[in-house]
Every structure is written in C-alpha cells, then in structure tokens.
C-alpha cells in the first residue's frame, strides 16, 4: 500500500511539473506513454529489485518522462 501511494505521489509530481513547464496540457500524449512505462518499471522493480525505492526510482522515472517527451517533440512537425 505504501509503495502504491509513493508511486502515485511520484506520478503526480512528474505530471504536474510537465504541465507547469509546458504551460498547458499539450504534453499528455507522450506523458501517458511515460506513465505506462513508469508503472511497468515499478512492477519490474518490485520483482527484481534493480533500483532502490524511492530515490533511484524517482530519478529513473524523471529520465523516462524527459526522454519520452523529447522523443515526442522530435517526431511532431514544427508549428511554423
């Protein structure tokens, strides 16, 4: 139960930070993919204990969120 609450806090922090930096919710297509990857990472981490909880997992989750959002920015056409 504590791990689930911790995961929800991490996801809320990451999604809120992305929304604040983007100035809106245009990041959501990539962020939904990132959330799915982070949840799968948490399930795998609970089983294989690769990352320490919560600090190393928070760092890895932030990197995943950044990389997936940058990938989306690379793929979408420029607005001009």
Protein backbone atom coordinates (compact mmCIF):
# COMPACT_ATOMS: atom_id res chain seq x y z
CA UNK A 1 0.00 0.00 0.00
CA UNK A 2 2.82 2.41 0.88
CA UNK A 3 4.54 1.70 -2.44
CA UNK A 4 1.33 2.44 -4.35
CA UNK A 5 0.90 5.78 -2.59
CA UNK A 6 4.56 6.58 -3.24
CA UNK A 7 4.14 5.76 -6.93
CA UNK A 8 1.05 7.98 -7.15
CA UNK A 9 2.96 10.84 -5.49
CA UNK A 10 5.86 10.42 -7.93
CA UNK A 11 3.50 10.37 -10.93
CA UNK A 12 1.60 13.42 -9.67
CA UNK A 13 4.88 15.28 -9.15
CA UNK A 14 6.18 14.41 -12.63
CA UNK A 15 2.91 15.17 -14.43
CA UNK A 16 2.40 18.40 -12.52
CA UNK A 17 5.94 19.51 -13.30
CA UNK A 18 5.49 18.77 -17.00
CA UNK A 19 2.21 20.69 -17.05
CA UNK A 20 3.80 23.68 -15.29
CA UNK A 21 6.82 23.76 -17.62
CA UNK A 22 4.75 23.29 -20.78
CA UNK A 23 2.22 25.90 -19.74
CA UNK A 24 -0.65 23.63 -20.64
CA UNK A 25 -1.58 20.03 -21.25
CA UNK A 26 -0.19 19.58 -24.76
CA UNK A 27 2.36 17.09 -23.39
CA UNK A 28 -0.28 14.49 -22.48
CA UNK A 29 0.07 12.11 -25.45
CA UNK A 30 3.69 11.44 -24.54
CA UNK A 31 3.12 11.63 -20.80
CA UNK A 32 0.50 8.86 -20.92
CA UNK A 33 3.07 6.62 -22.61
CA UNK A 34 5.64 7.63 -19.99
CA UNK A 35 3.22 6.85 -17.15
CA UNK A 36 2.59 3.39 -18.61
CA UNK A 37 6.35 2.77 -18.86
CA UNK A 38 6.89 4.01 -15.29
CA UNK A 39 4.17 1.71 -13.94
CA UNK A 40 5.75 -1.22 -15.79
CA UNK A 41 9.14 -0.19 -14.36
CA UNK A 42 7.65 -0.22 -10.86
CA UNK A 43 6.20 -3.68 -11.33
CA UNK A 44 9.54 -4.98 -12.65
CA UNK A 45 11.44 -3.20 -9.88
CA UNK A 46 9.25 -4.76 -7.19
CA UNK A 47 10.08 -8.16 -8.61
CA UNK A 48 13.78 -7.80 -9.49
CA UNK A 49 14.90 -5.04 -7.04
CA UNK A 50 17.15 -3.21 -9.52
CA UNK A 51 16.59 0.32 -8.19
CA UNK A 52 16.36 1.49 -4.59
CA UNK A 53 12.95 2.81 -3.64
CA UNK A 54 12.13 5.74 -3.82
CA UNK A 55 15.14 7.93 -4.72
CA UNK A 56 16.74 5.91 -7.51
CA UNK A 57 13.31 5.08 -8.87
CA UNK A 58 12.36 8.77 -8.84
CA UNK A 59 15.49 9.62 -10.82
CA UNK A 60 14.81 6.86 -13.35
CA UNK A 61 11.17 7.92 -13.65
CA UNK A 62 12.19 11.52 -14.32
CA UNK A 63 14.61 10.41 -17.01
CA UNK A 64 11.93 8.25 -18.65
CA UNK A 65 9.46 11.14 -18.60
CA UNK A 66 12.01 13.53 -20.15
CA UNK A 67 13.20 11.12 -22.84
CA UNK A 68 9.69 10.16 -23.97
CA UNK A 69 8.55 13.80 -24.07
CA UNK A 70 11.66 14.82 -26.02
CA UNK A 71 11.01 11.95 -28.42
CA UNK A 72 7.50 13.28 -28.99
CA UNK A 73 8.86 16.77 -29.64
CA UNK A 74 11.31 15.30 -32.16
CA UNK A 75 8.54 13.45 -34.04
CA UNK A 76 5.81 16.12 -34.19
CA UNK A 77 6.06 18.69 -37.00
CA UNK A 78 7.27 22.20 -36.22
CA UNK A 79 4.46 24.76 -35.82
CA UNK A 80 5.78 27.16 -38.45
